[in-house]
Amino acid sequence: EKAYGDGVVPHGLGVTYGMLCSSFVAERLGLMAPEDRREHDEMCWLLLKMWSLPEPKPTVEKVMALAMKDNKRGIASEADDEVSDILLRKMGDIVPTEASMLTKFPCSLV
């Protein structure tokens, strides 16, 4: 959402794309089973399939640079090579942490 500039992509769509990224990470970390990720992602795509992202799409480098400056950064005491987000085990089952429900993980998983 931020990579496009203000007002181009509605906030809800940006959040939903972030949810897809988080489910990918949660599965890679072994926190979310593949079938739970499928169910989660199918729910996200019910919304996303109705609105495509404008072209040109932002580069991975631009998205990651913005993620490294996110306003939530620091709450989970991330290292320089980590980001954090809310991760789920399955829909409705948030991975609990001591840092406002934020789980830190390596940037390489994004």
N, C-alpha and C. Protein backbone atom coordinates (compact mmCIF):
# COMPACT_ATOMS: atom_id res chain seq x y z
N GLU A 1 0.84 -1.20 0.00
CA GLU A 1 0.00 0.00 0.00
C GLU A 1 0.88 1.26 0.00
N LYS A 2 1.86 1.32 0.92
CA LYS A 2 2.73 2.50 1.02
C LYS A 2 3.65 2.62 -0.19
N ALA A 3 3.97 1.50 -0.82
CA ALA A 3 4.87 1.52 -1.97
C ALA A 3 4.25 2.22 -3.17
N TYR A 4 2.95 2.31 -3.21
CA TYR A 4 2.26 2.99 -4.30
C TYR A 4 2.04 4.47 -4.04
N GLY A 5 2.14 4.89 -2.79
CA GLY A 5 1.85 6.27 -2.44
C GLY A 5 0.44 6.38 -1.88
N ASP A 6 0.18 7.47 -1.21
CA ASP A 6 -1.10 7.66 -0.53
C ASP A 6 -2.28 7.63 -1.50
N GLY A 7 -3.31 6.88 -1.10
CA GLY A 7 -4.58 6.88 -1.81
C GLY A 7 -4.68 6.01 -3.04
N VAL A 8 -3.60 5.35 -3.45
CA VAL A 8 -3.65 4.53 -4.67
C VAL A 8 -4.28 3.17 -4.37
N VAL A 9 -3.81 2.52 -3.33
CA VAL A 9 -4.34 1.21 -2.92
C VAL A 9 -5.06 1.40 -1.59
N PRO A 10 -6.35 1.04 -1.52
CA PRO A 10 -7.07 1.18 -0.25
C PRO A 10 -6.39 0.40 0.88
N HIS A 11 -6.45 0.96 2.07
CA HIS A 11 -5.78 0.36 3.23
C HIS A 11 -6.19 -1.10 3.45
N GLY A 12 -7.46 -1.40 3.32
CA GLY A 12 -7.92 -2.77 3.53
C GLY A 12 -7.29 -3.76 2.58
N LEU A 13 -7.06 -3.35 1.34
CA LEU A 13 -6.39 -4.23 0.39
C LEU A 13 -4.93 -4.42 0.78
N GLY A 14 -4.28 -3.34 1.20
CA GLY A 14 -2.90 -3.46 1.66
C GLY A 14 -2.78 -4.41 2.83
N VAL A 15 -3.71 -4.32 3.76
CA VAL A 15 -3.72 -5.22 4.92
C VAL A 15 -3.91 -6.66 4.45
N THR A 16 -4.80 -6.87 3.50
CA THR A 16 -5.09 -8.23 3.04
C THR A 16 -3.88 -8.83 2.32
N TYR A 17 -3.18 -8.04 1.52
CA TYR A 17 -1.94 -8.55 0.90
C TYR A 17 -0.91 -8.88 1.98
N GLY A 18 -0.85 -8.06 3.03
CA GLY A 18 0.04 -8.36 4.14
C GLY A 18 -0.33 -9.66 4.84
N MET A 19 -1.62 -9.94 4.91
CA MET A 19 -2.08 -11.20 5.52
C MET A 19 -1.60 -12.40 4.71
N LEU A 20 -1.57 -12.27 3.38
CA LEU A 20 -1.04 -13.35 2.55
C LEU A 20 0.45 -13.57 2.82
N CYS A 21 1.18 -12.49 2.96
CA CYS A 21 2.60 -12.60 3.28
C CYS A 21 2.79 -13.28 4.63
N SER A 22 1.99 -12.89 5.60
CA SER A 22 2.11 -13.45 6.95
C SER A 22 1.76 -14.93 6.98
N SER A 23 0.78 -15.35 6.19
CA SER A 23 0.44 -16.77 6.16
C SER A 23 1.57 -17.58 5.52
N PHE A 24 2.22 -17.01 4.51
CA PHE A 24 3.37 -17.66 3.89
C PHE A 24 4.48 -17.86 4.91
N VAL A 25 4.78 -16.81 5.66
CA VAL A 25 5.83 -16.87 6.69
C VAL A 25 5.44 -17.88 7.77
N ALA A 26 4.19 -17.84 8.22
CA ALA A 26 3.75 -18.75 9.29
C ALA A 26 3.89 -20.20 8.85
N GLU A 27 3.57 -20.49 7.59
CA GLU A 27 3.74 -21.87 7.11
C GLU A 27 5.22 -22.24 7.05
N ARG A 28 6.06 -21.34 6.56
CA ARG A 28 7.50 -21.61 6.47
C ARG A 28 8.12 -21.86 7.85
N LEU A 29 7.60 -21.18 8.85
CA LEU A 29 8.10 -21.35 10.22
C LEU A 29 7.49 -22.57 10.92
N GLY A 30 6.58 -23.25 10.25
CA GLY A 30 5.94 -24.42 10.84
C GLY A 30 4.84 -24.08 11.83
N LEU A 31 4.39 -22.84 11.82
CA LEU A 31 3.34 -22.41 12.75
C LEU A 31 1.95 -22.67 12.17
N MET A 32 1.83 -22.67 10.85
CA MET A 32 0.54 -22.85 10.18
C MET A 32 0.65 -24.05 9.24
N ALA A 33 -0.30 -24.96 9.35
CA ALA A 33 -0.33 -26.13 8.47
C ALA A 33 -0.72 -25.70 7.06
N PRO A 34 -0.24 -26.41 6.04
CA PRO A 34 -0.58 -26.06 4.66
C PRO A 34 -2.09 -25.95 4.41
N GLU A 35 -2.87 -26.85 4.97
CA GLU A 35 -4.32 -26.79 4.75
C GLU A 35 -4.94 -25.57 5.42
N ASP A 36 -4.40 -25.16 6.57
CA ASP A 36 -4.89 -23.95 7.23
C ASP A 36 -4.49 -22.71 6.43
N ARG A 37 -3.31 -22.73 5.84
CA ARG A 37 -2.90 -21.60 4.99
C ARG A 37 -3.80 -21.51 3.76
N ARG A 38 -4.10 -22.65 3.16
CA ARG A 38 -4.97 -22.65 1.99
C ARG A 38 -6.33 -22.01 2.32
N GLU A 39 -6.90 -22.42 3.45
CA GLU A 39 -8.19 -21.87 3.87
C GLU A 39 -8.09 -20.36 4.10
N HIS A 40 -7.04 -19.95 4.79
CA HIS A 40 -6.80 -18.53 5.07
C HIS A 40 -6.66 -17.73 3.77
N ASP A 41 -5.81 -18.22 2.88
CA ASP A 41 -5.53 -17.49 1.64
C ASP A 41 -6.75 -17.45 0.72
N GLU A 42 -7.54 -18.52 0.70
CA GLU A 42 -8.77 -18.50 -0.10
C GLU A 42 -9.70 -17.39 0.38
N MET A 43 -9.78 -17.20 1.68
CA MET A 43 -10.61 -16.13 2.23
C MET A 43 -10.07 -14.76 1.79
N CYS A 44 -8.77 -14.58 1.84
CA CYS A 44 -8.17 -13.31 1.41
C CYS A 44 -8.45 -13.05 -0.07
N TRP A 45 -8.32 -14.08 -0.90
CA TRP A 45 -8.49 -13.90 -2.34
C TRP A 45 -9.93 -13.60 -2.73
N LEU A 46 -10.90 -13.90 -1.87
CA LEU A 46 -12.28 -13.51 -2.15
C LEU A 46 -12.37 -12.00 -2.34
N LEU A 47 -11.59 -11.26 -1.58
CA LEU A 47 -11.54 -9.80 -1.71
C LEU A 47 -10.56 -9.37 -2.81
N LEU A 48 -9.36 -9.92 -2.76
CA LEU A 48 -8.30 -9.44 -3.64
C LEU A 48 -8.57 -9.69 -5.12
N LYS A 49 -9.30 -10.75 -5.45
CA LYS A 49 -9.55 -11.04 -6.87
C LYS A 49 -10.44 -9.97 -7.51
N MET A 50 -11.10 -9.18 -6.70
CA MET A 50 -11.98 -8.14 -7.24
C MET A 50 -11.22 -6.86 -7.59
N TRP A 51 -10.01 -6.68 -7.05
CA TRP A 51 -9.20 -5.49 -7.31
C TRP A 51 -7.75 -5.90 -7.54
N SER A 52 -7.26 -5.68 -8.73
CA SER A 52 -5.86 -6.01 -8.99
C SER A 52 -4.98 -4.82 -8.61
N LEU A 53 -3.74 -5.11 -8.32
CA LEU A 53 -2.79 -4.04 -8.02
C LEU A 53 -2.42 -3.30 -9.30
N PRO A 54 -2.28 -1.99 -9.22
CA PRO A 54 -1.91 -1.21 -10.41
C PRO A 54 -0.50 -1.56 -10.88
N GLU A 55 -0.29 -1.40 -12.17
CA GLU A 55 1.04 -1.56 -12.76
C GLU A 55 1.70 -0.19 -12.85
N PRO A 56 2.98 -0.09 -12.78
CA PRO A 56 3.90 -1.18 -12.46
C PRO A 56 3.85 -1.50 -10.96
N LYS A 57 4.02 -2.77 -10.65
CA LYS A 57 4.04 -3.19 -9.26
C LYS A 57 5.38 -2.77 -8.64
N PRO A 58 5.38 -2.45 -7.36
CA PRO A 58 6.64 -2.04 -6.71
C PRO A 58 7.62 -3.20 -6.64
N THR A 59 8.88 -2.87 -6.62
CA THR A 59 9.91 -3.90 -6.51
C THR A 59 9.96 -4.47 -5.09
N VAL A 60 10.50 -5.66 -4.98
CA VAL A 60 10.70 -6.28 -3.67
C VAL A 60 11.58 -5.38 -2.81
N GLU A 61 12.59 -4.79 -3.42
CA GLU A 61 13.51 -3.92 -2.68
C GLU A 61 12.78 -2.72 -2.08
N LYS A 62 11.87 -2.13 -2.84
CA LYS A 62 11.12 -0.98 -2.33
C LYS A 62 10.20 -1.40 -1.19
N VAL A 63 9.50 -2.52 -1.37
CA VAL A 63 8.59 -3.01 -0.33
C VAL A 63 9.37 -3.33 0.94
N MET A 64 10.51 -3.99 0.80
CA MET A 64 11.31 -4.34 1.99
C MET A 64 11.88 -3.10 2.67
N ALA A 65 12.30 -2.12 1.89
CA ALA A 65 12.82 -0.88 2.49
C ALA A 65 11.74 -0.21 3.33
N LEU A 66 10.52 -0.22 2.85
CA LEU A 66 9.41 0.36 3.62
C LEU A 66 9.08 -0.49 4.85
N ALA A 67 9.13 -1.80 4.69
CA ALA A 67 8.85 -2.69 5.83
C ALA A 67 9.87 -2.48 6.95
N MET A 68 11.09 -2.18 6.58
CA MET A 68 12.14 -1.98 7.58
C MET A 68 11.99 -0.64 8.31
N LYS A 69 11.08 0.21 7.83
CA LYS A 69 10.81 1.49 8.47
C LYS A 69 9.40 1.56 9.04
N ASP A 70 8.72 0.41 9.11
CA ASP A 70 7.33 0.37 9.57
C ASP A 70 7.20 0.96 10.97
N ASN A 71 6.06 1.59 11.23
CA ASN A 71 5.87 2.24 12.54
C ASN A 71 5.79 1.25 13.70
N LYS A 72 5.58 -0.03 13.42
CA LYS A 72 5.57 -1.05 14.49
C LYS A 72 6.98 -1.57 14.78
N ARG A 73 7.93 -1.19 13.95
CA ARG A 73 9.29 -1.71 14.10
C ARG A 73 9.86 -1.33 15.47
N GLY A 74 10.48 -2.31 16.11
CA GLY A 74 11.09 -2.09 17.42
C GLY A 74 10.26 -2.65 18.56
N ILE A 75 8.96 -2.79 18.37
CA ILE A 75 8.11 -3.32 19.44
C ILE A 75 8.52 -4.74 19.81
N ALA A 76 8.90 -5.54 18.79
CA ALA A 76 9.29 -6.93 19.03
C ALA A 76 10.81 -7.09 19.15
N SER A 77 11.53 -6.00 19.29
CA SER A 77 13.00 -6.01 19.41
C SER A 77 13.66 -6.76 18.25
N GLU A 78 13.25 -6.41 17.03
CA GLU A 78 13.81 -7.06 15.86
C GLU A 78 15.28 -6.71 15.67
N ALA A 79 16.04 -7.67 15.17
CA ALA A 79 17.42 -7.42 14.76
C ALA A 79 17.38 -6.72 13.40
N ASP A 80 18.54 -6.29 12.92
CA ASP A 80 18.61 -5.57 11.64
C ASP A 80 18.10 -6.40 10.47
N ASP A 81 18.18 -7.73 10.59
CA ASP A 81 17.74 -8.60 9.50
C ASP A 81 16.40 -9.27 9.78
N GLU A 82 15.60 -8.65 10.66
CA GLU A 82 14.29 -9.20 11.02
C GLU A 82 13.19 -8.17 10.83
N VAL A 83 11.99 -8.67 10.59
CA VAL A 83 10.77 -7.86 10.60
C VAL A 83 9.79 -8.58 11.52
N SER A 84 8.68 -7.95 11.81
CA SER A 84 7.68 -8.61 12.65
C SER A 84 6.29 -8.35 12.10
N ASP A 85 5.41 -9.27 12.41
CA ASP A 85 4.01 -9.13 12.02
C ASP A 85 3.19 -10.07 12.90
N ILE A 86 1.89 -9.94 12.80
CA ILE A 86 0.99 -10.85 13.50
C ILE A 86 0.91 -12.12 12.68
N LEU A 87 1.21 -13.25 13.31
CA LEU A 87 1.15 -14.54 12.64
C LEU A 87 0.04 -15.38 13.25
N LEU A 88 -0.56 -16.21 12.42
CA LEU A 88 -1.64 -17.09 12.86
C LEU A 88 -1.23 -18.55 12.75
N ARG A 89 -1.83 -19.38 13.59
CA ARG A 89 -1.72 -20.83 13.43
C ARG A 89 -2.77 -21.29 12.43
N LYS A 90 -3.93 -20.65 12.51
CA LYS A 90 -5.04 -20.84 11.57
C LYS A 90 -5.96 -19.65 11.77
N MET A 91 -6.98 -19.54 10.95
CA MET A 91 -7.87 -18.38 11.08
C MET A 91 -8.44 -18.34 12.49
N GLY A 92 -8.29 -17.18 13.12
CA GLY A 92 -8.81 -16.98 14.48
C GLY A 92 -7.89 -17.43 15.58
N ASP A 93 -6.71 -17.97 15.26
CA ASP A 93 -5.77 -18.48 16.26
C ASP A 93 -4.43 -17.76 16.12
N ILE A 94 -4.31 -16.62 16.79
CA ILE A 94 -3.10 -15.79 16.73
C ILE A 94 -1.99 -16.41 17.56
N VAL A 95 -0.77 -16.39 17.03
CA VAL A 95 0.40 -16.84 17.78
C VAL A 95 0.66 -15.80 18.87
N PRO A 96 0.53 -16.18 20.14
CA PRO A 96 0.72 -15.20 21.22
C PRO A 96 2.20 -14.87 21.43
N THR A 97 2.47 -13.62 21.73
CA THR A 97 3.82 -13.19 22.07
C THR A 97 3.73 -12.15 23.18
N GLU A 98 4.87 -11.76 23.69
CA GLU A 98 4.91 -10.71 24.71
C GLU A 98 4.96 -9.33 24.08
N ALA A 99 5.04 -9.26 22.75
CA ALA A 99 5.22 -7.98 22.05
C ALA A 99 3.98 -7.62 21.24
N SER A 100 2.88 -7.38 21.90
CA SER A 100 1.66 -6.92 21.22
C SER A 100 1.24 -7.83 20.07
N MET A 101 1.40 -9.12 20.25
CA MET A 101 1.03 -10.13 19.25
C MET A 101 1.94 -10.13 18.02
N LEU A 102 3.03 -9.39 18.05
CA LEU A 102 3.96 -9.36 16.92
C LEU A 102 5.02 -10.44 17.09
N THR A 103 5.21 -11.24 16.03
CA THR A 103 6.25 -12.26 16.01
C THR A 103 7.36 -11.78 15.08
N LYS A 104 8.60 -11.79 15.55
CA LYS A 104 9.70 -11.38 14.68
C LYS A 104 10.21 -12.61 13.92
N PHE A 105 10.70 -12.35 12.69
CA PHE A 105 11.20 -13.43 11.85
C PHE A 105 12.19 -12.85 10.84
N PRO A 106 13.04 -13.70 10.25
CA PRO A 106 14.05 -13.21 9.31
C PRO A 106 13.41 -12.57 8.07
N CYS A 107 13.99 -11.48 7.63
CA CYS A 107 13.52 -10.80 6.41
C CYS A 107 13.56 -11.74 5.21
N SER A 108 14.47 -12.69 5.22
CA SER A 108 14.62 -13.59 4.09
C SER A 108 13.37 -14.43 3.83
N LEU A 109 12.47 -14.51 4.80
CA LEU A 109 11.23 -15.27 4.60
C LEU A 109 10.17 -14.49 3.85
N VAL A 110 10.37 -13.20 3.72
CA VAL A 110 9.34 -12.37 3.06
C VAL A 110 9.48 -12.45 1.56
